[in-house]
N, C-alpha and C. Protein backbone atom coordinates (compact mmCIF):
# COMPACT_ATOMS: atom_id res chain seq x y z
N MET A 1 -8.24 2.22 -11.98
CA MET A 1 -8.05 3.25 -10.96
C MET A 1 -6.78 4.02 -11.29
N SER A 2 -6.82 5.32 -11.33
CA SER A 2 -5.62 6.05 -11.70
C SER A 2 -5.59 7.39 -11.00
N SER A 3 -4.39 7.96 -10.94
CA SER A 3 -4.27 9.30 -10.38
C SER A 3 -4.57 10.29 -11.49
N HIS A 4 -5.17 11.41 -11.15
CA HIS A 4 -5.49 12.42 -12.14
C HIS A 4 -4.52 13.57 -11.98
N HIS A 5 -3.97 14.03 -13.07
CA HIS A 5 -2.97 15.10 -12.99
C HIS A 5 -3.67 16.44 -12.92
N ILE A 6 -3.89 16.88 -11.71
CA ILE A 6 -4.58 18.14 -11.46
C ILE A 6 -3.71 18.97 -10.53
N VAL A 7 -4.11 20.21 -10.32
CA VAL A 7 -3.38 21.04 -9.36
C VAL A 7 -3.58 20.46 -7.98
N ARG A 8 -2.50 20.17 -7.29
CA ARG A 8 -2.60 19.50 -5.99
C ARG A 8 -2.28 20.45 -4.85
N ASP A 9 -2.78 20.11 -3.69
CA ASP A 9 -2.48 20.83 -2.47
C ASP A 9 -1.46 19.99 -1.70
N GLU A 10 -0.27 20.54 -1.48
CA GLU A 10 0.77 19.76 -0.81
C GLU A 10 0.44 19.46 0.65
N GLN A 11 -0.69 20.01 1.13
CA GLN A 11 -1.13 19.64 2.47
C GLN A 11 -1.70 18.23 2.48
N GLU A 12 -2.16 17.76 1.32
CA GLU A 12 -2.68 16.40 1.23
C GLU A 12 -1.51 15.41 1.24
N PRO A 13 -1.69 14.25 1.89
CA PRO A 13 -0.59 13.29 1.97
C PRO A 13 -0.17 12.77 0.60
N ALA A 14 1.13 12.76 0.36
CA ALA A 14 1.67 12.12 -0.84
C ALA A 14 1.60 10.61 -0.62
N LEU A 15 1.83 9.85 -1.68
CA LEU A 15 1.80 8.40 -1.61
C LEU A 15 3.13 7.87 -2.13
N LEU A 16 3.88 7.18 -1.27
CA LEU A 16 5.18 6.60 -1.63
C LEU A 16 5.04 5.09 -1.58
N THR A 17 5.17 4.44 -2.74
CA THR A 17 4.90 3.01 -2.84
C THR A 17 6.20 2.24 -3.04
N LEU A 18 6.72 1.67 -1.95
CA LEU A 18 7.93 0.86 -2.03
C LEU A 18 7.60 -0.60 -2.29
N ASN A 19 6.40 -1.02 -1.91
CA ASN A 19 5.96 -2.41 -2.11
C ASN A 19 4.56 -2.38 -2.71
N ALA A 20 4.49 -2.25 -4.03
CA ALA A 20 3.19 -2.11 -4.70
C ALA A 20 2.30 -3.34 -4.50
N ALA A 21 2.91 -4.49 -4.26
CA ALA A 21 2.12 -5.71 -4.06
C ALA A 21 1.30 -5.64 -2.78
N TRP A 22 1.63 -4.71 -1.88
CA TRP A 22 0.88 -4.57 -0.62
C TRP A 22 -0.36 -3.71 -0.78
N LEU A 23 -0.55 -3.09 -1.93
CA LEU A 23 -1.68 -2.19 -2.11
C LEU A 23 -2.98 -2.97 -2.02
N ARG A 24 -3.86 -2.53 -1.15
CA ARG A 24 -5.17 -3.17 -0.96
C ARG A 24 -6.23 -2.25 -1.55
N ASP A 25 -7.19 -2.84 -2.26
CA ASP A 25 -8.17 -2.04 -3.00
C ASP A 25 -8.86 -1.00 -2.13
N GLU A 26 -9.38 -1.45 -0.96
CA GLU A 26 -10.15 -0.53 -0.12
C GLU A 26 -9.26 0.57 0.47
N THR A 27 -8.05 0.20 0.85
CA THR A 27 -7.12 1.20 1.39
C THR A 27 -6.69 2.16 0.29
N LEU A 28 -6.35 1.61 -0.86
CA LEU A 28 -5.87 2.42 -1.98
C LEU A 28 -6.91 3.42 -2.44
N ALA A 29 -8.17 2.99 -2.51
CA ALA A 29 -9.23 3.88 -2.97
C ALA A 29 -9.31 5.13 -2.10
N SER A 30 -9.20 4.95 -0.79
CA SER A 30 -9.29 6.10 0.10
C SER A 30 -8.06 7.00 -0.02
N LEU A 31 -6.89 6.39 -0.26
CA LEU A 31 -5.67 7.19 -0.35
C LEU A 31 -5.59 7.97 -1.67
N LEU A 32 -6.22 7.43 -2.71
CA LEU A 32 -6.19 8.10 -4.02
C LEU A 32 -7.30 9.12 -4.19
N GLU A 33 -8.19 9.21 -3.21
CA GLU A 33 -9.37 10.06 -3.34
C GLU A 33 -9.03 11.51 -3.68
N TRP A 34 -7.94 12.02 -3.09
CA TRP A 34 -7.58 13.43 -3.29
C TRP A 34 -6.46 13.60 -4.30
N SER A 35 -6.28 12.61 -5.19
CA SER A 35 -5.25 12.68 -6.23
C SER A 35 -3.89 13.09 -5.66
N PRO A 36 -3.33 12.24 -4.80
CA PRO A 36 -2.05 12.60 -4.19
C PRO A 36 -0.90 12.54 -5.19
N THR A 37 0.20 13.20 -4.86
CA THR A 37 1.44 13.01 -5.60
C THR A 37 1.93 11.59 -5.32
N ILE A 38 2.13 10.78 -6.38
CA ILE A 38 2.49 9.38 -6.22
C ILE A 38 3.95 9.19 -6.62
N VAL A 39 4.73 8.64 -5.70
CA VAL A 39 6.16 8.42 -5.91
C VAL A 39 6.43 6.93 -5.85
N VAL A 40 7.23 6.42 -6.79
CA VAL A 40 7.49 4.98 -6.85
C VAL A 40 8.94 4.74 -7.28
N PRO A 41 9.61 3.72 -6.75
CA PRO A 41 10.94 3.38 -7.24
C PRO A 41 10.85 2.73 -8.61
N ALA A 42 11.93 2.78 -9.37
CA ALA A 42 11.93 2.25 -10.74
C ALA A 42 11.47 0.81 -10.80
N GLY A 43 11.87 0.00 -9.83
CA GLY A 43 11.55 -1.42 -9.84
C GLY A 43 10.07 -1.73 -9.62
N GLU A 44 9.31 -0.76 -9.11
CA GLU A 44 7.89 -0.98 -8.83
C GLU A 44 6.98 -0.28 -9.85
N LEU A 45 7.57 0.42 -10.79
CA LEU A 45 6.77 1.22 -11.72
C LEU A 45 5.81 0.37 -12.54
N GLU A 46 6.28 -0.74 -13.09
CA GLU A 46 5.42 -1.57 -13.93
C GLU A 46 4.27 -2.18 -13.12
N VAL A 47 4.54 -2.56 -11.87
CA VAL A 47 3.48 -3.11 -11.02
C VAL A 47 2.38 -2.07 -10.84
N LEU A 48 2.79 -0.83 -10.60
CA LEU A 48 1.81 0.24 -10.39
C LEU A 48 1.00 0.50 -11.65
N ILE A 49 1.67 0.52 -12.79
CA ILE A 49 0.98 0.74 -14.06
C ILE A 49 -0.02 -0.37 -14.32
N THR A 50 0.36 -1.61 -13.99
CA THR A 50 -0.53 -2.76 -14.16
C THR A 50 -1.80 -2.60 -13.34
N LEU A 51 -1.68 -1.93 -12.19
CA LEU A 51 -2.84 -1.69 -11.33
C LEU A 51 -3.69 -0.51 -11.82
N GLY A 52 -3.25 0.11 -12.91
CA GLY A 52 -3.99 1.23 -13.46
C GLY A 52 -3.72 2.55 -12.77
N ILE A 53 -2.57 2.64 -12.11
CA ILE A 53 -2.22 3.85 -11.37
C ILE A 53 -1.03 4.52 -12.05
N LYS A 54 -1.18 5.78 -12.39
CA LYS A 54 -0.11 6.52 -13.06
C LYS A 54 0.67 7.33 -12.04
N PRO A 55 1.95 7.02 -11.84
CA PRO A 55 2.75 7.76 -10.87
C PRO A 55 3.16 9.13 -11.39
N ASP A 56 3.56 9.99 -10.48
CA ASP A 56 4.03 11.33 -10.83
C ASP A 56 5.55 11.42 -10.81
N VAL A 57 6.16 10.63 -9.91
CA VAL A 57 7.61 10.68 -9.72
C VAL A 57 8.14 9.25 -9.66
N VAL A 58 9.22 8.98 -10.37
CA VAL A 58 9.89 7.69 -10.26
C VAL A 58 11.30 7.93 -9.75
N VAL A 59 11.69 7.17 -8.73
CA VAL A 59 13.03 7.28 -8.14
C VAL A 59 13.93 6.26 -8.82
N ALA A 60 15.02 6.72 -9.44
CA ALA A 60 15.85 5.83 -10.23
C ALA A 60 17.32 6.20 -10.12
N THR A 61 18.18 5.20 -10.29
CA THR A 61 19.61 5.49 -10.41
C THR A 61 19.87 6.04 -11.82
N HIS A 62 21.05 6.56 -12.04
CA HIS A 62 21.39 7.09 -13.37
C HIS A 62 21.31 5.97 -14.41
N GLU A 63 21.75 4.80 -14.02
CA GLU A 63 21.73 3.66 -14.95
C GLU A 63 20.29 3.29 -15.33
N GLU A 64 19.40 3.27 -14.33
CA GLU A 64 17.99 2.96 -14.60
C GLU A 64 17.35 4.03 -15.48
N LYS A 65 17.73 5.27 -15.24
CA LYS A 65 17.19 6.38 -16.02
C LYS A 65 17.55 6.23 -17.50
N ILE A 66 18.80 5.87 -17.77
CA ILE A 66 19.25 5.69 -19.15
C ILE A 66 18.57 4.46 -19.77
N GLN A 67 18.52 3.37 -19.02
CA GLN A 67 17.98 2.11 -19.52
C GLN A 67 16.51 2.21 -19.92
N HIS A 68 15.72 2.98 -19.12
CA HIS A 68 14.27 3.01 -19.34
C HIS A 68 13.78 4.33 -19.96
N ALA A 69 14.69 5.18 -20.40
CA ALA A 69 14.31 6.52 -20.87
C ALA A 69 13.22 6.49 -21.94
N VAL A 70 13.37 5.63 -22.92
CA VAL A 70 12.41 5.58 -24.02
C VAL A 70 11.06 5.06 -23.54
N ALA A 71 11.07 3.98 -22.76
CA ALA A 71 9.81 3.38 -22.27
C ALA A 71 9.06 4.36 -21.38
N TRP A 72 9.79 5.11 -20.56
CA TRP A 72 9.13 6.00 -19.61
C TRP A 72 8.50 7.22 -20.27
N GLU A 73 8.87 7.50 -21.52
CA GLU A 73 8.26 8.63 -22.23
C GLU A 73 6.75 8.43 -22.38
N ALA A 74 6.33 7.16 -22.38
CA ALA A 74 4.89 6.87 -22.52
C ALA A 74 4.09 7.30 -21.31
N PHE A 75 4.77 7.53 -20.18
CA PHE A 75 4.07 7.89 -18.94
C PHE A 75 4.15 9.39 -18.65
N ALA A 76 4.60 10.17 -19.62
CA ALA A 76 4.71 11.62 -19.42
C ALA A 76 3.33 12.23 -19.14
N PRO A 77 3.26 13.27 -18.28
CA PRO A 77 4.38 13.88 -17.55
C PRO A 77 4.83 13.01 -16.37
N LEU A 78 6.12 12.76 -16.29
CA LEU A 78 6.70 11.94 -15.23
C LEU A 78 8.02 12.55 -14.81
N THR A 79 8.13 12.87 -13.52
CA THR A 79 9.39 13.41 -12.99
C THR A 79 10.33 12.26 -12.64
N ILE A 80 11.56 12.33 -13.13
CA ILE A 80 12.57 11.32 -12.80
C ILE A 80 13.44 11.88 -11.68
N LEU A 81 13.35 11.28 -10.50
CA LEU A 81 14.16 11.70 -9.36
C LEU A 81 15.38 10.80 -9.31
N GLU A 82 16.52 11.34 -9.67
CA GLU A 82 17.73 10.53 -9.74
C GLU A 82 18.39 10.44 -8.37
N ARG A 83 18.71 9.22 -7.97
CA ARG A 83 19.42 8.99 -6.71
C ARG A 83 20.76 8.34 -7.01
N THR A 84 21.70 8.48 -6.11
CA THR A 84 22.98 7.80 -6.28
C THR A 84 22.78 6.32 -5.96
N SER A 85 23.68 5.49 -6.46
CA SER A 85 23.54 4.04 -6.26
C SER A 85 23.59 3.67 -4.78
N GLY A 86 24.23 4.51 -3.96
CA GLY A 86 24.33 4.21 -2.54
C GLY A 86 23.25 4.85 -1.69
N GLN A 87 22.37 5.65 -2.30
CA GLN A 87 21.33 6.35 -1.55
C GLN A 87 20.07 5.50 -1.44
N ASN A 88 19.51 5.44 -0.25
CA ASN A 88 18.28 4.68 -0.04
C ASN A 88 17.11 5.35 -0.76
N THR A 89 16.27 4.54 -1.38
CA THR A 89 15.12 5.07 -2.14
C THR A 89 14.18 5.87 -1.25
N ILE A 90 13.91 5.36 -0.05
CA ILE A 90 13.00 6.08 0.86
C ILE A 90 13.56 7.44 1.21
N VAL A 91 14.84 7.49 1.52
CA VAL A 91 15.48 8.76 1.90
C VAL A 91 15.42 9.75 0.74
N ALA A 92 15.74 9.29 -0.47
CA ALA A 92 15.70 10.17 -1.64
C ALA A 92 14.30 10.72 -1.86
N ALA A 93 13.30 9.84 -1.76
CA ALA A 93 11.92 10.25 -1.98
C ALA A 93 11.44 11.23 -0.93
N LEU A 94 11.77 10.98 0.34
CA LEU A 94 11.30 11.86 1.41
C LEU A 94 11.99 13.22 1.35
N HIS A 95 13.26 13.25 0.97
CA HIS A 95 13.93 14.55 0.79
C HIS A 95 13.24 15.34 -0.33
N TYR A 96 12.86 14.66 -1.38
CA TYR A 96 12.16 15.31 -2.49
C TYR A 96 10.83 15.90 -2.01
N LEU A 97 10.07 15.10 -1.28
CA LEU A 97 8.76 15.56 -0.81
C LEU A 97 8.89 16.72 0.17
N LEU A 98 9.90 16.66 1.03
CA LEU A 98 10.15 17.78 1.94
C LEU A 98 10.47 19.05 1.17
N ALA A 99 11.31 18.92 0.15
CA ALA A 99 11.69 20.08 -0.65
C ALA A 99 10.49 20.67 -1.37
N LYS A 100 9.50 19.82 -1.69
CA LYS A 100 8.28 20.28 -2.35
C LYS A 100 7.22 20.72 -1.34
N ARG A 101 7.61 20.78 -0.07
CA ARG A 101 6.76 21.29 1.01
C ARG A 101 5.56 20.39 1.33
N HIS A 102 5.69 19.10 1.10
CA HIS A 102 4.65 18.17 1.53
C HIS A 102 4.72 18.02 3.04
N LYS A 103 3.57 18.02 3.66
CA LYS A 103 3.50 17.94 5.12
C LYS A 103 3.17 16.54 5.62
N ALA A 104 2.75 15.65 4.71
CA ALA A 104 2.33 14.31 5.12
C ALA A 104 2.58 13.33 3.98
N VAL A 105 2.78 12.07 4.34
CA VAL A 105 3.01 11.04 3.33
C VAL A 105 2.53 9.69 3.85
N ASN A 106 1.89 8.91 2.97
CA ASN A 106 1.56 7.52 3.25
C ASN A 106 2.57 6.65 2.51
N ILE A 107 3.20 5.73 3.24
CA ILE A 107 4.27 4.92 2.66
C ILE A 107 3.89 3.44 2.71
N PHE A 108 3.91 2.78 1.56
CA PHE A 108 3.72 1.33 1.54
C PHE A 108 5.09 0.68 1.70
N SER A 109 5.47 0.49 2.94
CA SER A 109 6.76 -0.07 3.31
C SER A 109 6.78 -0.23 4.81
N SER A 110 7.62 -1.11 5.31
CA SER A 110 7.75 -1.26 6.76
C SER A 110 8.47 -0.07 7.36
N PRO A 111 8.04 0.40 8.54
CA PRO A 111 8.77 1.50 9.20
C PRO A 111 10.16 1.07 9.65
N PHE A 112 10.44 -0.22 9.56
CA PHE A 112 11.73 -0.72 10.03
C PHE A 112 12.67 -1.07 8.88
N ASP A 113 12.31 -0.60 7.65
CA ASP A 113 13.24 -0.74 6.53
C ASP A 113 14.47 0.14 6.75
N LEU A 114 14.29 1.19 7.52
CA LEU A 114 15.41 2.02 7.99
C LEU A 114 15.36 2.02 9.51
N SER A 115 16.45 2.44 10.11
CA SER A 115 16.41 2.60 11.56
C SER A 115 15.54 3.82 11.87
N LEU A 116 14.93 3.81 13.05
CA LEU A 116 14.07 4.94 13.41
C LEU A 116 14.86 6.24 13.47
N SER A 117 16.14 6.16 13.81
CA SER A 117 16.96 7.38 13.86
C SER A 117 17.15 7.95 12.45
N GLU A 118 17.17 7.09 11.42
CA GLU A 118 17.31 7.58 10.04
C GLU A 118 16.06 8.31 9.58
N PHE A 119 14.92 8.03 10.22
CA PHE A 119 13.68 8.72 9.89
C PHE A 119 13.51 10.02 10.68
N ALA A 120 14.43 10.29 11.61
CA ALA A 120 14.24 11.39 12.56
C ALA A 120 13.93 12.72 11.88
N LEU A 121 14.68 13.09 10.86
CA LEU A 121 14.46 14.36 10.16
C LEU A 121 13.05 14.43 9.60
N PHE A 122 12.61 13.35 8.99
CA PHE A 122 11.29 13.33 8.35
C PHE A 122 10.18 13.27 9.39
N PHE A 123 10.39 12.50 10.46
CA PHE A 123 9.41 12.45 11.55
C PHE A 123 9.18 13.84 12.13
N ALA A 124 10.24 14.65 12.19
CA ALA A 124 10.14 15.97 12.80
C ALA A 124 9.39 16.96 11.92
N ASN A 125 9.31 16.66 10.61
CA ASN A 125 8.75 17.64 9.68
C ASN A 125 7.53 17.17 8.90
N MET A 126 7.17 15.88 9.04
CA MET A 126 6.06 15.35 8.27
C MET A 126 5.22 14.41 9.12
N ASP A 127 3.93 14.31 8.77
CA ASP A 127 3.09 13.27 9.35
C ASP A 127 3.22 12.05 8.45
N ILE A 128 3.63 10.92 9.02
CA ILE A 128 3.93 9.73 8.23
C ILE A 128 3.11 8.54 8.71
N VAL A 129 2.49 7.84 7.75
CA VAL A 129 1.80 6.59 8.02
C VAL A 129 2.40 5.51 7.13
N PHE A 130 2.78 4.39 7.73
CA PHE A 130 3.33 3.27 6.98
C PHE A 130 2.27 2.19 6.83
N TYR A 131 2.15 1.63 5.63
CA TYR A 131 1.23 0.52 5.38
C TYR A 131 2.03 -0.73 5.04
N THR A 132 1.72 -1.84 5.72
CA THR A 132 2.30 -3.13 5.38
C THR A 132 1.17 -4.02 4.83
N GLU A 133 1.43 -5.29 4.64
CA GLU A 133 0.40 -6.18 4.10
C GLU A 133 -0.81 -6.30 5.01
N THR A 134 -0.59 -6.23 6.31
CA THR A 134 -1.69 -6.52 7.25
C THR A 134 -1.99 -5.39 8.23
N SER A 135 -1.21 -4.33 8.21
CA SER A 135 -1.40 -3.30 9.23
C SER A 135 -0.91 -1.94 8.75
N ARG A 136 -1.13 -0.94 9.57
CA ARG A 136 -0.54 0.37 9.31
C ARG A 136 0.11 0.87 10.60
N TRP A 137 1.22 1.52 10.44
CA TRP A 137 1.96 2.11 11.56
C TRP A 137 1.81 3.62 11.50
N LEU A 138 1.34 4.21 12.58
CA LEU A 138 1.17 5.66 12.66
C LEU A 138 2.33 6.26 13.43
N TRP A 139 2.90 7.31 12.90
CA TRP A 139 3.90 8.08 13.65
C TRP A 139 3.15 9.17 14.38
N LEU A 140 3.06 9.04 15.70
CA LEU A 140 2.27 9.97 16.52
C LEU A 140 3.19 11.05 17.10
N ARG A 141 3.35 12.08 16.28
CA ARG A 141 4.26 13.16 16.65
C ARG A 141 3.80 13.88 17.92
N SER A 142 2.48 13.92 18.13
CA SER A 142 1.94 14.61 19.31
C SER A 142 2.07 13.78 20.59
N GLY A 143 2.35 12.48 20.44
CA GLY A 143 2.40 11.61 21.61
C GLY A 143 1.03 11.25 22.13
N GLN A 144 -0.03 11.46 21.32
CA GLN A 144 -1.41 11.21 21.75
C GLN A 144 -2.13 10.31 20.75
N TYR A 145 -2.92 9.37 21.29
CA TYR A 145 -3.76 8.51 20.44
C TYR A 145 -5.08 8.28 21.17
N ASN A 146 -6.19 8.63 20.52
CA ASN A 146 -7.52 8.42 21.08
C ASN A 146 -8.43 7.90 19.98
N LYS A 147 -9.06 6.75 20.21
CA LYS A 147 -9.90 6.17 19.16
C LYS A 147 -10.90 5.18 19.75
N TRP A 148 -12.10 5.15 19.17
CA TRP A 148 -13.10 4.15 19.54
C TRP A 148 -12.76 2.87 18.80
N LEU A 149 -12.55 1.78 19.54
CA LEU A 149 -12.15 0.51 18.94
C LEU A 149 -13.10 -0.62 19.35
N PRO A 150 -13.30 -1.61 18.48
CA PRO A 150 -14.17 -2.74 18.81
C PRO A 150 -13.45 -3.75 19.70
N ALA A 151 -14.22 -4.56 20.41
CA ALA A 151 -13.65 -5.63 21.23
C ALA A 151 -12.80 -6.55 20.36
N GLY A 152 -11.66 -6.96 20.89
CA GLY A 152 -10.78 -7.85 20.15
C GLY A 152 -9.72 -7.16 19.33
N ALA A 153 -9.82 -5.85 19.20
CA ALA A 153 -8.80 -5.11 18.44
C ALA A 153 -7.46 -5.17 19.17
N ARG A 154 -6.40 -5.16 18.41
CA ARG A 154 -5.06 -5.18 19.01
C ARG A 154 -4.23 -4.05 18.44
N LEU A 155 -3.55 -3.33 19.32
CA LEU A 155 -2.60 -2.28 18.94
C LEU A 155 -1.21 -2.71 19.38
N THR A 156 -0.21 -2.22 18.67
CA THR A 156 1.17 -2.43 19.09
C THR A 156 1.86 -1.09 19.19
N VAL A 157 2.51 -0.85 20.30
CA VAL A 157 3.21 0.42 20.54
C VAL A 157 4.71 0.19 20.49
N ARG A 158 5.41 1.05 19.81
CA ARG A 158 6.87 0.96 19.73
C ARG A 158 7.46 2.29 20.17
N PRO A 159 8.11 2.33 21.35
CA PRO A 159 8.74 3.58 21.79
C PRO A 159 9.88 3.97 20.85
N LEU A 160 10.05 5.26 20.67
CA LEU A 160 11.16 5.74 19.86
C LEU A 160 12.41 5.89 20.70
N ASN A 161 12.21 6.31 21.93
CA ASN A 161 13.34 6.51 22.84
C ASN A 161 13.13 5.68 24.10
N GLU A 162 14.20 5.38 24.75
CA GLU A 162 14.12 4.64 26.01
C GLU A 162 14.87 5.43 27.09
N PRO A 163 14.32 5.58 28.29
CA PRO A 163 12.95 5.19 28.64
C PRO A 163 11.93 6.21 28.11
N GLN A 164 10.70 5.76 27.97
CA GLN A 164 9.63 6.62 27.50
C GLN A 164 8.39 6.33 28.32
N GLU A 165 7.83 7.35 28.93
CA GLU A 165 6.69 7.16 29.81
C GLU A 165 5.37 7.20 29.03
N PHE A 166 4.43 6.32 29.43
CA PHE A 166 3.12 6.24 28.80
C PHE A 166 2.03 6.24 29.85
N MET A 167 0.84 6.70 29.43
CA MET A 167 -0.38 6.53 30.21
C MET A 167 -1.38 5.84 29.28
N TRP A 168 -2.11 4.83 29.81
CA TRP A 168 -3.00 4.00 29.01
C TRP A 168 -4.40 3.99 29.58
N SER A 169 -5.41 3.80 28.71
CA SER A 169 -6.78 3.65 29.17
C SER A 169 -7.56 2.80 28.16
N GLY A 170 -8.31 1.79 28.68
CA GLY A 170 -9.20 1.02 27.84
C GLY A 170 -8.67 -0.32 27.39
N PHE A 171 -7.63 -0.85 28.04
CA PHE A 171 -7.04 -2.11 27.62
C PHE A 171 -7.23 -3.19 28.70
N THR A 172 -7.14 -4.46 28.27
CA THR A 172 -7.45 -5.58 29.16
C THR A 172 -6.47 -5.69 30.32
N THR A 173 -5.21 -5.44 30.06
CA THR A 173 -4.20 -5.50 31.12
C THR A 173 -3.58 -4.13 31.29
N LYS A 174 -3.02 -3.89 32.42
CA LYS A 174 -2.38 -2.61 32.67
C LYS A 174 -0.93 -2.69 32.19
N PRO A 175 -0.62 -2.03 31.08
CA PRO A 175 0.74 -2.12 30.54
C PRO A 175 1.75 -1.39 31.42
N SER A 176 2.99 -1.70 31.18
CA SER A 176 4.07 -1.00 31.87
C SER A 176 4.05 0.48 31.48
N GLN A 177 4.37 1.33 32.45
CA GLN A 177 4.45 2.76 32.13
C GLN A 177 5.71 3.09 31.35
N ASN A 178 6.70 2.20 31.41
CA ASN A 178 7.96 2.45 30.72
C ASN A 178 8.38 1.21 29.92
N PRO A 179 7.64 0.88 28.85
CA PRO A 179 8.02 -0.28 28.05
C PRO A 179 9.37 -0.08 27.38
N LEU A 180 10.19 -1.14 27.39
CA LEU A 180 11.52 -1.04 26.79
C LEU A 180 11.49 -1.34 25.30
N ASN A 181 10.57 -2.20 24.89
CA ASN A 181 10.44 -2.57 23.48
C ASN A 181 8.99 -2.43 23.07
N LYS A 182 8.65 -2.94 21.89
CA LYS A 182 7.26 -2.82 21.45
C LYS A 182 6.34 -3.65 22.35
N MET A 183 5.11 -3.19 22.50
CA MET A 183 4.16 -3.82 23.42
C MET A 183 2.81 -3.96 22.74
N ALA A 184 2.21 -5.17 22.81
CA ALA A 184 0.88 -5.42 22.24
C ALA A 184 -0.19 -5.09 23.27
N LEU A 185 -1.26 -4.42 22.83
CA LEU A 185 -2.35 -4.00 23.71
C LEU A 185 -3.66 -4.52 23.14
N ASP A 186 -4.45 -5.23 23.95
CA ASP A 186 -5.71 -5.81 23.50
C ASP A 186 -6.90 -5.04 24.08
N VAL A 187 -7.93 -4.87 23.25
CA VAL A 187 -9.14 -4.17 23.66
C VAL A 187 -10.18 -5.21 24.05
N GLU A 188 -10.69 -5.13 25.29
CA GLU A 188 -11.61 -6.15 25.81
C GLU A 188 -13.04 -5.93 25.36
N LYS A 189 -13.48 -4.69 25.26
CA LYS A 189 -14.86 -4.40 24.87
C LYS A 189 -14.88 -3.15 24.00
N ASP A 190 -16.00 -2.94 23.30
CA ASP A 190 -16.12 -1.75 22.46
C ASP A 190 -16.01 -0.51 23.34
N GLU A 191 -14.99 0.28 23.12
CA GLU A 191 -14.86 1.50 23.93
C GLU A 191 -13.78 2.42 23.37
N MET A 192 -13.74 3.61 23.92
CA MET A 192 -12.71 4.58 23.58
C MET A 192 -11.43 4.23 24.32
N VAL A 193 -10.34 4.10 23.58
CA VAL A 193 -9.05 3.85 24.22
C VAL A 193 -8.18 5.08 24.04
N SER A 194 -7.23 5.21 24.93
CA SER A 194 -6.31 6.34 24.82
C SER A 194 -4.91 5.93 25.23
N ILE A 195 -3.95 6.52 24.54
CA ILE A 195 -2.53 6.32 24.86
C ILE A 195 -1.88 7.69 24.79
N SER A 196 -1.14 8.03 25.80
CA SER A 196 -0.43 9.30 25.77
C SER A 196 0.98 9.12 26.29
N SER A 197 1.88 9.91 25.76
CA SER A 197 3.28 9.81 26.15
C SER A 197 3.91 11.19 26.14
N ASN A 198 5.03 11.30 26.85
CA ASN A 198 5.76 12.56 26.87
C ASN A 198 6.59 12.75 25.61
N LEU A 199 6.68 11.69 24.76
CA LEU A 199 7.46 11.74 23.53
C LEU A 199 6.66 11.10 22.39
N PRO A 200 7.02 11.40 21.14
CA PRO A 200 6.36 10.72 20.01
C PRO A 200 6.63 9.22 20.05
N PHE A 201 5.78 8.46 19.34
CA PHE A 201 5.97 7.01 19.28
C PHE A 201 5.29 6.44 18.04
N LEU A 202 5.62 5.20 17.72
CA LEU A 202 4.97 4.48 16.61
C LEU A 202 3.86 3.60 17.17
N LEU A 203 2.74 3.52 16.46
CA LEU A 203 1.64 2.68 16.87
C LEU A 203 1.12 1.90 15.67
N GLU A 204 0.92 0.59 15.85
CA GLU A 204 0.43 -0.27 14.79
C GLU A 204 -1.05 -0.58 14.97
N GLU A 205 -1.85 -0.38 13.92
CA GLU A 205 -3.25 -0.78 13.88
C GLU A 205 -3.38 -1.91 12.84
N GLN A 206 -4.15 -2.94 13.17
CA GLN A 206 -4.39 -4.02 12.22
C GLN A 206 -5.42 -3.56 11.18
N LEU A 207 -5.21 -3.94 9.93
CA LEU A 207 -6.15 -3.59 8.87
C LEU A 207 -7.23 -4.67 8.74
């Protein structure tokens, strides 16, 4: 499975892989369907190559760039995005994608690798989905979520700001309208569920 170097539409979500070991075949196949721009930190590059995926951008410190310069020539064309030793890889990568006018990104990393306030700039300008080993976290910029879910499904909601008002429909228990921390929501029967808020929020779906 590999990315194809073709003319891309920056409206399509880029793929930022901070934890390549979390890549799941079925999820990955759907994300690679539109040949996204693939960004990876230097430490994950070999893992990605082993999976048969050719990245477009590697995020590296100056030292890593010098150390691997010859080896990385084999992966040309490859953009080397140099970050300072004190700069977070996610922040460097997202600044790059914003500068390239990407409107959306799928990230294989926990949304809590940074504080939510550190993501604020990117949340305001991009649609972001985080993938972990077992779930995905959606950043719901509109404050709205509506989906048909099977019985037994569980969602987790994480408010960005406190207090934050919510309205819920389709869950077994009536959640608090003003949850202070993350809240788990269970679906009792196959039905359409809805969550709405006056502010954006994070929502976790199990994979």
